Amino acid sequence: MSEGDLADEYYYNMRTKMVEHGRQSPWEHLMGPYGSHEEAEKALEIAQARNLEWDEDDVEWDEAWGEDEEGRDEE
């Protein structure tokens, strides 16, 4: 990836709650990269939706493999 490609990426800064065009802050404060300013503005919503989806997938996995919420086999 070239420097020009990086400038076309957007990041959501969790510390400042602002969108950055290109990486301007340390990685530990950033979510992304995103393809647009608008998408980066929705970083927290996107993460929340993904977390909910993954939680649902975990429940389906546990039900399919007979595990409870703690990862123990149900008997």
Protein backbone atom coordinates (compact mmCIF):
# COMPACT_ATOMS: atom_id res chain seq x y z
CA MET A 1 0.00 0.00 0.00
CA SER A 2 1.42 3.36 -0.97
CA GLU A 3 1.38 6.60 1.00
CA GLY A 4 -1.28 7.90 -1.41
CA ASP A 5 -3.55 4.96 -0.55
CA LEU A 6 -3.20 5.70 3.15
CA ALA A 7 -4.32 9.29 2.64
CA ASP A 8 -7.61 7.99 1.22
CA GLU A 9 -8.42 6.18 4.44
CA TYR A 10 -10.43 7.54 7.34
CA TYR A 11 -10.18 6.65 11.02
CA TYR A 12 -12.38 7.27 14.02
CA ASN A 13 -10.38 8.54 16.98
CA MET A 14 -11.92 7.10 20.16
CA ARG A 15 -10.13 9.62 22.34
CA THR A 16 -11.20 12.80 20.51
CA LYS A 17 -14.38 11.32 19.01
CA MET A 18 -13.37 12.88 15.69
CA VAL A 19 -12.75 11.45 12.22
CA GLU A 20 -9.21 11.70 10.88
CA HIS A 21 -8.33 11.75 7.18
CA GLY A 22 -5.31 9.49 7.06
CA ARG A 23 -3.70 8.14 10.22
CA GLN A 24 -2.72 11.09 12.40
CA SER A 25 -2.88 9.55 15.89
CA PRO A 26 -1.45 6.46 17.61
CA TRP A 27 -3.11 3.19 16.64
CA GLU A 28 -4.41 2.56 20.15
CA HIS A 29 -6.82 5.49 19.76
CA LEU A 30 -8.12 4.58 16.30
CA MET A 31 -10.82 2.46 14.71
CA GLY A 32 -10.53 1.81 11.01
CA PRO A 33 -9.53 2.29 8.35
CA TYR A 34 -12.79 3.18 6.66
CA GLY A 35 -13.36 4.10 3.04
CA SER A 36 -15.19 7.37 3.69
CA HIS A 37 -15.61 10.09 6.27
CA GLU A 38 -19.27 9.14 6.68
CA GLU A 39 -18.43 5.49 7.35
CA ALA A 40 -15.78 6.46 9.93
CA GLU A 41 -18.35 8.67 11.70
CA LYS A 42 -20.41 5.52 12.24
CA ALA A 43 -17.47 3.47 13.61
CA LEU A 44 -19.07 2.87 17.01
CA GLU A 45 -22.40 1.87 15.44
CA ILE A 46 -20.61 -0.50 13.06
CA ALA A 47 -18.64 -2.06 15.93
CA GLN A 48 -21.79 -2.46 18.04
CA ALA A 49 -23.65 -4.14 15.17
CA ARG A 50 -20.72 -6.51 14.56
CA ASN A 51 -20.52 -7.36 18.26
CA LEU A 52 -24.22 -8.19 18.37
CA GLU A 53 -23.87 -10.35 15.26
CA TRP A 54 -20.88 -12.18 16.74
CA ASP A 55 -22.75 -12.70 20.04
CA GLU A 56 -25.62 -14.28 18.10
CA ASP A 57 -23.14 -16.47 16.22
CA ASP A 58 -21.63 -17.55 19.55
CA VAL A 59 -25.05 -18.61 20.85
CA GLU A 60 -25.71 -20.60 17.66
CA TRP A 61 -22.27 -22.22 17.94
CA ASP A 62 -22.82 -23.11 21.59
CA GLU A 63 -26.26 -24.55 20.86
CA ALA A 64 -24.89 -26.61 17.98
CA TRP A 65 -22.02 -27.98 20.06
CA GLY A 66 -23.86 -28.34 23.37
CA GLU A 67 -21.93 -25.76 25.40
CA ASP A 68 -23.32 -23.34 27.98
CA GLU A 69 -22.37 -19.65 28.26
CA GLU A 70 -19.22 -20.55 30.22
CA GLY A 71 -18.02 -22.93 27.49
CA ARG A 72 -18.79 -26.08 29.51
CA ASP A 73 -20.44 -29.12 28.00
CA GLU A 74 -24.12 -29.31 28.87
CA GLU A 75 -25.20 -32.69 30.20
